[in-house]
């Protein structure tokens, strides 16, 4: 999942936490790799102490047939 905040990729090293407990670290160009992601949910992203945004997402219907799904989401 590529995370965009205010038109730019979320910073490298930001922490992304799923509302159900999973988490990941944001890499280059705002990409975060998450496994076991529910069909819909919320991701809270934080970096630099107080900076924070949220992503409300819903995966496409065809995602169950795809082993690795790539998507871009706006973090607000």
PDB file of N, CA and C in Angstrom:
ATOM      1  N   UNK A   1       0.849  -1.155   0.000  1.00  0.00           N
ATOM      2  CA  UNK A   1       0.000   0.000   0.000  1.00  0.00           C
ATOM      3  C   UNK A   1       0.903   1.228   0.000  1.00  0.00           C
ATOM      4  N   UNK A   2       0.652   2.144  -0.912  1.00  0.00           N
ATOM      5  CA  UNK A   2       1.376   3.406  -0.937  1.00  0.00           C
ATOM      6  C   UNK A   2       0.520   4.449  -0.250  1.00  0.00           C
ATOM      7  N   UNK A   3       1.082   5.117   0.742  1.00  0.00           N
ATOM      8  CA  UNK A   3       0.351   6.094   1.538  1.00  0.00           C
ATOM      9  C   UNK A   3       0.779   7.505   1.152  1.00  0.00           C
ATOM     10  N   UNK A   4      -0.216   8.339   0.836  1.00  0.00           N
ATOM     11  CA  UNK A   4       0.017   9.717   0.422  1.00  0.00           C
ATOM     12  C   UNK A   4      -0.580  10.656   1.468  1.00  0.00           C
ATOM     13  N   UNK A   5       0.197  11.671   1.871  1.00  0.00           N
ATOM     14  CA  UNK A   5      -0.258  12.665   2.845  1.00  0.00           C
ATOM     15  C   UNK A   5       0.009  14.053   2.289  1.00  0.00           C
ATOM     16  N   UNK A   6      -1.047  14.826   2.093  1.00  0.00           N
ATOM     17  CA  UNK A   6      -0.940  16.188   1.543  1.00  0.00           C
ATOM     18  C   UNK A   6      -0.178  16.215   0.222  1.00  0.00           C
ATOM     19  N   UNK A   7      -0.462  15.233  -0.630  1.00  0.00           N
ATOM     20  CA  UNK A   7       0.123  15.185  -1.964  1.00  0.00           C
ATOM     21  C   UNK A   7       1.508  14.573  -2.060  1.00  0.00           C
ATOM     22  N   UNK A   8       2.089  14.192  -0.928  1.00  0.00           N
ATOM     23  CA  UNK A   8       3.431  13.599  -0.915  1.00  0.00           C
ATOM     24  C   UNK A   8       3.409  12.243  -0.216  1.00  0.00           C
ATOM     25  N   UNK A   9       4.377  11.375  -0.510  1.00  0.00           N
ATOM     26  CA  UNK A   9       4.433  10.094   0.194  1.00  0.00           C
ATOM     27  C   UNK A   9       4.643  10.300   1.697  1.00  0.00           C
ATOM     28  N   UNK A  10       4.039   9.449   2.502  1.00  0.00           N
ATOM     29  CA  UNK A  10       4.275   9.459   3.948  1.00  0.00           C
ATOM     30  C   UNK A  10       5.772   9.224   4.159  1.00  0.00           C
ATOM     31  N   UNK A  11       6.394   9.900   5.132  1.00  0.00           N
ATOM     32  CA  UNK A  11       7.850   9.805   5.314  1.00  0.00           C
ATOM     33  C   UNK A  11       8.359   8.391   5.633  1.00  0.00           C
ATOM     34  N   UNK A  12       9.566   8.126   5.161  1.00  0.00           N
ATOM     35  CA  UNK A  12      10.277   6.892   5.451  1.00  0.00           C
ATOM     36  C   UNK A  12      10.382   6.711   6.964  1.00  0.00           C
ATOM     37  N   UNK A  13      10.106   5.505   7.447  1.00  0.00           N
ATOM     38  CA  UNK A  13      10.224   5.194   8.868  1.00  0.00           C
ATOM     39  C   UNK A  13       8.966   5.422   9.674  1.00  0.00           C
ATOM     40  N   UNK A  14       7.923   5.989   9.063  1.00  0.00           N
ATOM     41  CA  UNK A  14       6.658   6.178   9.785  1.00  0.00           C
ATOM     42  C   UNK A  14       6.094   4.812  10.172  1.00  0.00           C
ATOM     43  N   UNK A  15       5.361   4.771  11.280  1.00  0.00           N
ATOM     44  CA  UNK A  15       4.754   3.520  11.741  1.00  0.00           C
ATOM     45  C   UNK A  15       3.291   3.487  11.324  1.00  0.00           C
ATOM     46  N   UNK A  16       2.878   2.377  10.705  1.00  0.00           N
ATOM     47  CA  UNK A  16       1.493   2.193  10.261  1.00  0.00           C
ATOM     48  C   UNK A  16       0.874   1.070  11.088  1.00  0.00           C
ATOM     49  N   UNK A  17      -0.223   1.381  11.801  1.00  0.00           N
ATOM     50  CA  UNK A  17      -0.888   0.384  12.650  1.00  0.00           C
ATOM     51  C   UNK A  17      -2.322   0.161  12.180  1.00  0.00           C
ATOM     52  N   UNK A  18      -2.642  -1.108  11.938  1.00  0.00           N
ATOM     53  CA  UNK A  18      -4.016  -1.483  11.609  1.00  0.00           C
ATOM     54  C   UNK A  18      -4.878  -1.417  12.863  1.00  0.00           C
ATOM     55  N   UNK A  19      -6.155  -1.087  12.700  1.00  0.00           N
ATOM     56  CA  UNK A  19      -7.047  -1.008  13.855  1.00  0.00           C
ATOM     57  C   UNK A  19      -7.201  -2.353  14.555  1.00  0.00           C
ATOM     58  N   UNK A  20      -6.928  -3.470  13.844  1.00  0.00           N
ATOM     59  CA  UNK A  20      -7.059  -4.797  14.466  1.00  0.00           C
ATOM     60  C   UNK A  20      -5.742  -5.291  15.072  1.00  0.00           C
ATOM     61  N   UNK A  21      -4.695  -4.441  15.073  1.00  0.00           N
ATOM     62  CA  UNK A  21      -3.464  -4.808  15.763  1.00  0.00           C
ATOM     63  C   UNK A  21      -2.239  -5.036  14.909  1.00  0.00           C
ATOM     64  N   UNK A  22      -2.369  -5.295  13.609  1.00  0.00           N
ATOM     65  CA  UNK A  22      -1.199  -5.476  12.761  1.00  0.00           C
ATOM     66  C   UNK A  22      -0.463  -4.161  12.573  1.00  0.00           C
ATOM     67  N   UNK A  23       0.823  -4.234  12.169  1.00  0.00           N
ATOM     68  CA  UNK A  23       1.568  -2.993  11.960  1.00  0.00           C
ATOM     69  C   UNK A  23       2.671  -3.190  10.938  1.00  0.00           C
ATOM     70  N   UNK A  24       3.217  -2.082  10.472  1.00  0.00           N
ATOM     71  CA  UNK A  24       4.321  -2.097   9.531  1.00  0.00           C
ATOM     72  C   UNK A  24       5.037  -0.769   9.573  1.00  0.00           C
ATOM     73  N   UNK A  25       6.200  -0.718   8.938  1.00  0.00           N
ATOM     74  CA  UNK A  25       7.003   0.495   8.849  1.00  0.00           C
ATOM     75  C   UNK A  25       6.982   0.969   7.396  1.00  0.00           C
ATOM     76  N   UNK A  26       6.797   2.270   7.197  1.00  0.00           N
ATOM     77  CA  UNK A  26       6.744   2.840   5.854  1.00  0.00           C
ATOM     78  C   UNK A  26       8.159   2.915   5.281  1.00  0.00           C
ATOM     79  N   UNK A  27       8.285   2.444   4.045  1.00  0.00           N
ATOM     80  CA  UNK A  27       9.572   2.463   3.359  1.00  0.00           C
ATOM     81  C   UNK A  27       9.657   3.621   2.381  1.00  0.00           C
ATOM     82  N   UNK A  28      10.543   3.483   1.411  1.00  0.00           N
ATOM     83  CA  UNK A  28      10.732   4.507   0.383  1.00  0.00           C
ATOM     84  C   UNK A  28       9.433   4.786  -0.360  1.00  0.00           C
ATOM     85  N   UNK A  29       9.239   6.020  -0.730  1.00  0.00           N
ATOM     86  CA  UNK A  29       8.094   6.458  -1.537  1.00  0.00           C
ATOM     87  C   UNK A  29       6.749   6.152  -0.908  1.00  0.00           C
ATOM     88  N   UNK A  30       6.671   6.082   0.424  1.00  0.00           N
ATOM     89  CA  UNK A  30       5.394   5.911   1.116  1.00  0.00           C
ATOM     90  C   UNK A  30       4.833   4.504   1.115  1.00  0.00           C
ATOM     91  N   UNK A  31       5.631   3.508   0.750  1.00  0.00           N
ATOM     92  CA  UNK A  31       5.128   2.137   0.668  1.00  0.00           C
ATOM     93  C   UNK A  31       5.222   1.428   2.012  1.00  0.00           C
ATOM     94  N   UNK A  32       4.120   0.782   2.378  1.00  0.00           N
ATOM     95  CA  UNK A  32       4.097  -0.034   3.592  1.00  0.00           C
ATOM     96  C   UNK A  32       3.596  -1.419   3.190  1.00  0.00           C
ATOM     97  N   UNK A  33       4.229  -2.443   3.723  1.00  0.00           N
ATOM     98  CA  UNK A  33       3.852  -3.823   3.426  1.00  0.00           C
ATOM     99  C   UNK A  33       3.151  -4.396   4.640  1.00  0.00           C
ATOM    100  N   UNK A  34       1.909  -4.809   4.449  1.00  0.00           N
ATOM    101  CA  UNK A  34       1.091  -5.353   5.525  1.00  0.00           C
ATOM    102  C   UNK A  34       0.556  -6.704   5.104  1.00  0.00           C
ATOM    103  N   UNK A  35       0.463  -7.640   6.034  1.00  0.00           N
ATOM    104  CA  UNK A  35      -0.127  -8.945   5.719  1.00  0.00           C
ATOM    105  C   UNK A  35      -1.358  -9.150   6.577  1.00  0.00           C
ATOM    106  N   UNK A  36      -2.264  -9.981   6.086  1.00  0.00           N
ATOM    107  CA  UNK A  36      -3.482 -10.278   6.832  1.00  0.00           C
ATOM    108  C   UNK A  36      -4.403  -9.086   6.970  1.00  0.00           C
ATOM    109  N   UNK A  37      -4.383  -8.191   5.994  1.00  0.00           N
ATOM    110  CA  UNK A  37      -5.193  -6.977   6.047  1.00  0.00           C
ATOM    111  C   UNK A  37      -6.659  -7.335   5.813  1.00  0.00           C
ATOM    112  N   UNK A  38      -7.553  -6.877   6.707  1.00  0.00           N
ATOM    113  CA  UNK A  38      -8.983  -7.126   6.488  1.00  0.00           C
ATOM    114  C   UNK A  38      -9.478  -6.426   5.227  1.00  0.00           C
ATOM    115  N   UNK A  39     -10.616  -6.834   4.725  1.00  0.00           N
ATOM    116  CA  UNK A  39     -11.196  -6.270   3.511  1.00  0.00           C
ATOM    117  C   UNK A  39     -11.409  -4.757   3.624  1.00  0.00           C
ATOM    118  N   UNK A  40     -11.735  -4.295   4.803  1.00  0.00           N
ATOM    119  CA  UNK A  40     -11.884  -2.856   5.044  1.00  0.00           C
ATOM    120  C   UNK A  40     -11.423  -2.558   6.452  1.00  0.00           C
ATOM    121  N   UNK A  41     -11.015  -1.320   6.661  1.00  0.00           N
ATOM    122  CA  UNK A  41     -10.557  -0.959   7.990  1.00  0.00           C
ATOM    123  C   UNK A  41      -9.903   0.399   8.027  1.00  0.00           C
ATOM    124  N   UNK A  42      -9.105   0.594   9.064  1.00  0.00           N
ATOM    125  CA  UNK A  42      -8.437   1.870   9.284  1.00  0.00           C
ATOM    126  C   UNK A  42      -6.978   1.611   9.643  1.00  0.00           C
ATOM    127  N   UNK A  43      -6.114   2.465   9.129  1.00  0.00           N
ATOM    128  CA  UNK A  43      -4.695   2.424   9.455  1.00  0.00           C
ATOM    129  C   UNK A  43      -4.331   3.784  10.042  1.00  0.00           C
ATOM    130  N   UNK A  44      -3.684   3.769  11.195  1.00  0.00           N
ATOM    131  CA  UNK A  44      -3.192   4.999  11.812  1.00  0.00           C
ATOM    132  C   UNK A  44      -1.691   5.054  11.559  1.00  0.00           C
ATOM    133  N   UNK A  45      -1.236   6.177  10.994  1.00  0.00           N
ATOM    134  CA  UNK A  45       0.164   6.351  10.641  1.00  0.00           C
ATOM    135  C   UNK A  45       0.740   7.478  11.489  1.00  0.00           C
ATOM    136  N   UNK A  46       1.918   7.245  12.081  1.00  0.00           N
ATOM    137  CA  UNK A  46       2.538   8.287  12.909  1.00  0.00           C
ATOM    138  C   UNK A  46       4.032   8.379  12.615  1.00  0.00           C
ATOM    139  N   UNK A  47       4.562   9.602  12.742  1.00  0.00           N
ATOM    140  CA  UNK A  47       5.981   9.854  12.526  1.00  0.00           C
ATOM    141  C   UNK A  47       6.367  11.166  13.202  1.00  0.00           C
ATOM    142  N   UNK A  48       7.639  11.382  13.379  1.00  0.00           N
ATOM    143  CA  UNK A  48       8.186  12.619  13.962  1.00  0.00           C
ATOM    144  C   UNK A  48       7.472  13.056  15.231  1.00  0.00           C
ATOM    145  N   UNK A  49       7.233  12.130  16.113  1.00  0.00           N
ATOM    146  CA  UNK A  49       6.595  12.477  17.388  1.00  0.00           C
ATOM    147  C   UNK A  49       5.107  12.697  17.287  1.00  0.00           C
ATOM    148  N   UNK A  50       4.694  13.912  16.905  1.00  0.00           N
ATOM    149  CA  UNK A  50       3.272  14.263  16.949  1.00  0.00           C
ATOM    150  C   UNK A  50       2.558  14.179  15.600  1.00  0.00           C
ATOM    151  N   UNK A  51       3.278  13.988  14.496  1.00  0.00           N
ATOM    152  CA  UNK A  51       2.623  13.917  13.183  1.00  0.00           C
ATOM    153  C   UNK A  51       1.827  12.625  13.077  1.00  0.00           C
ATOM    154  N   UNK A  52       0.590  12.735  12.577  1.00  0.00           N
ATOM    155  CA  UNK A  52      -0.278  11.568  12.514  1.00  0.00           C
ATOM    156  C   UNK A  52      -1.342  11.772  11.434  1.00  0.00           C
ATOM    157  N   UNK A  53      -1.720  10.673  10.784  1.00  0.00           N
ATOM    158  CA  UNK A  53      -2.840  10.702   9.839  1.00  0.00           C
ATOM    159  C   UNK A  53      -3.516   9.334   9.854  1.00  0.00           C
ATOM    160  N   UNK A  54      -4.692   9.285   9.245  1.00  0.00           N
ATOM    161  CA  UNK A  54      -5.481   8.039   9.212  1.00  0.00           C
ATOM    162  C   UNK A  54      -5.883   7.707   7.786  1.00  0.00           C
ATOM    163  N   UNK A  55      -5.918   6.421   7.509  1.00  0.00           N
ATOM    164  CA  UNK A  55      -6.376   5.919   6.216  1.00  0.00           C
ATOM    165  C   UNK A  55      -7.588   5.028   6.464  1.00  0.00           C
ATOM    166  N   UNK A  56      -8.706   5.365   5.851  1.00  0.00           N
ATOM    167  CA  UNK A  56      -9.876   4.488   5.852  1.00  0.00           C
ATOM    168  C   UNK A  56      -9.888   3.838   4.467  1.00  0.00           C
ATOM    169  N   UNK A  57      -9.789   2.526   4.420  1.00  0.00           N
ATOM    170  CA  UNK A  57      -9.662   1.841   3.133  1.00  0.00           C
ATOM    171  C   UNK A  57     -10.694   0.730   2.985  1.00  0.00           C
ATOM    172  N   UNK A  58     -10.920   0.360   1.738  1.00  0.00           N
ATOM    173  CA  UNK A  58     -11.699  -0.828   1.393  1.00  0.00           C
ATOM    174  C   UNK A  58     -11.020  -1.438   0.179  1.00  0.00           C
ATOM    175  N   UNK A  59     -10.601  -2.695   0.307  1.00  0.00           N
ATOM    176  CA  UNK A  59      -9.920  -3.372  -0.783  1.00  0.00           C
ATOM    177  C   UNK A  59     -10.916  -3.704  -1.888  1.00  0.00           C
ATOM    178  N   UNK A  60     -10.441  -3.766  -3.147  1.00  0.00           N
ATOM    179  CA  UNK A  60     -11.325  -4.131  -4.261  1.00  0.00           C
ATOM    180  C   UNK A  60     -11.895  -5.536  -4.089  1.00  0.00           C
ATOM    181  N   UNK A  61     -13.058  -5.797  -4.661  1.00  0.00           N
ATOM    182  CA  UNK A  61     -13.708  -7.107  -4.551  1.00  0.00           C
ATOM    183  C   UNK A  61     -12.834  -8.244  -5.046  1.00  0.00           C
ATOM    184  N   UNK A  62     -12.014  -7.995  -6.035  1.00  0.00           N
ATOM    185  CA  UNK A  62     -11.177  -9.053  -6.618  1.00  0.00           C
ATOM    186  C   UNK A  62      -9.937  -9.358  -5.791  1.00  0.00           C
ATOM    187  N   UNK A  63      -9.748  -8.700  -4.657  1.00  0.00           N
ATOM    188  CA  UNK A  63      -8.504  -8.859  -3.886  1.00  0.00           C
ATOM    189  C   UNK A  63      -8.316 -10.258  -3.313  1.00  0.00           C
ATOM    190  N   UNK A  64      -9.384 -11.030  -3.132  1.00  0.00           N
ATOM    191  CA  UNK A  64      -9.261 -12.373  -2.561  1.00  0.00           C
ATOM    192  C   UNK A  64      -8.493 -13.316  -3.494  1.00  0.00           C
ATOM    193  N   UNK A  65      -8.505 -13.028  -4.793  1.00  0.00           N
ATOM    194  CA  UNK A  65      -7.847 -13.888  -5.773  1.00  0.00           C
ATOM    195  C   UNK A  65      -6.403 -13.463  -6.063  1.00  0.00           C
ATOM    196  N   UNK A  66      -5.947 -12.384  -5.452  1.00  0.00           N
ATOM    197  CA  UNK A  66      -4.626 -11.834  -5.741  1.00  0.00           C
ATOM    198  C   UNK A  66      -3.721 -12.021  -4.526  1.00  0.00           C
ATOM    199  N   UNK A  67      -2.563 -12.702  -4.688  1.00  0.00           N
ATOM    200  CA  UNK A  67      -1.692 -12.930  -3.528  1.00  0.00           C
ATOM    201  C   UNK A  67      -1.072 -11.645  -2.976  1.00  0.00           C
ATOM    202  N   UNK A  68      -0.718 -10.698  -3.858  1.00  0.00           N
ATOM    203  CA  UNK A  68      -0.165  -9.414  -3.429  1.00  0.00           C
ATOM    204  C   UNK A  68      -0.947  -8.308  -4.123  1.00  0.00           C
ATOM    205  N   UNK A  69      -1.567  -7.473  -3.341  1.00  0.00           N
ATOM    206  CA  UNK A  69      -2.392  -6.387  -3.872  1.00  0.00           C
ATOM    207  C   UNK A  69      -1.681  -5.067  -3.660  1.00  0.00           C
ATOM    208  N   UNK A  70      -1.581  -4.262  -4.720  1.00  0.00           N
ATOM    209  CA  UNK A  70      -0.992  -2.936  -4.614  1.00  0.00           C
ATOM    210  C   UNK A  70      -2.104  -1.906  -4.704  1.00  0.00           C
ATOM    211  N   UNK A  71      -2.077  -0.930  -3.791  1.00  0.00           N
ATOM    212  CA  UNK A  71      -3.076   0.119  -3.801  1.00  0.00           C
ATOM    213  C   UNK A  71      -2.460   1.401  -3.259  1.00  0.00           C
ATOM    214  N   UNK A  72      -3.014   2.525  -3.668  1.00  0.00           N
ATOM    215  CA  UNK A  72      -2.566   3.821  -3.158  1.00  0.00           C
ATOM    216  C   UNK A  72      -3.720   4.423  -2.381  1.00  0.00           C
ATOM    217  N   UNK A  73      -3.415   4.935  -1.172  1.00  0.00           N
ATOM    218  CA  UNK A  73      -4.456   5.482  -0.301  1.00  0.00           C
ATOM    219  C   UNK A  73      -4.043   6.857   0.216  1.00  0.00           C
ATOM    220  N   UNK A  74      -5.031   7.732   0.350  1.00  0.00           N
ATOM    221  CA  UNK A  74      -4.805   9.069   0.904  1.00  0.00           C
ATOM    222  C   UNK A  74      -4.916   9.016   2.414  1.00  0.00           C
ATOM    223  N   UNK A  75      -3.905   9.527   3.087  1.00  0.00           N
ATOM    224  CA  UNK A  75      -3.869   9.564   4.542  1.00  0.00           C
ATOM    225  C   UNK A  75      -4.311  10.964   4.974  1.00  0.00           C
ATOM    226  N   UNK A  76      -5.316  11.044   5.841  1.00  0.00           N
ATOM    227  CA  UNK A  76      -5.862  12.347   6.248  1.00  0.00           C
ATOM    228  C   UNK A  76      -5.818  12.516   7.744  1.00  0.00           C
TER     229      UNK A  76
END
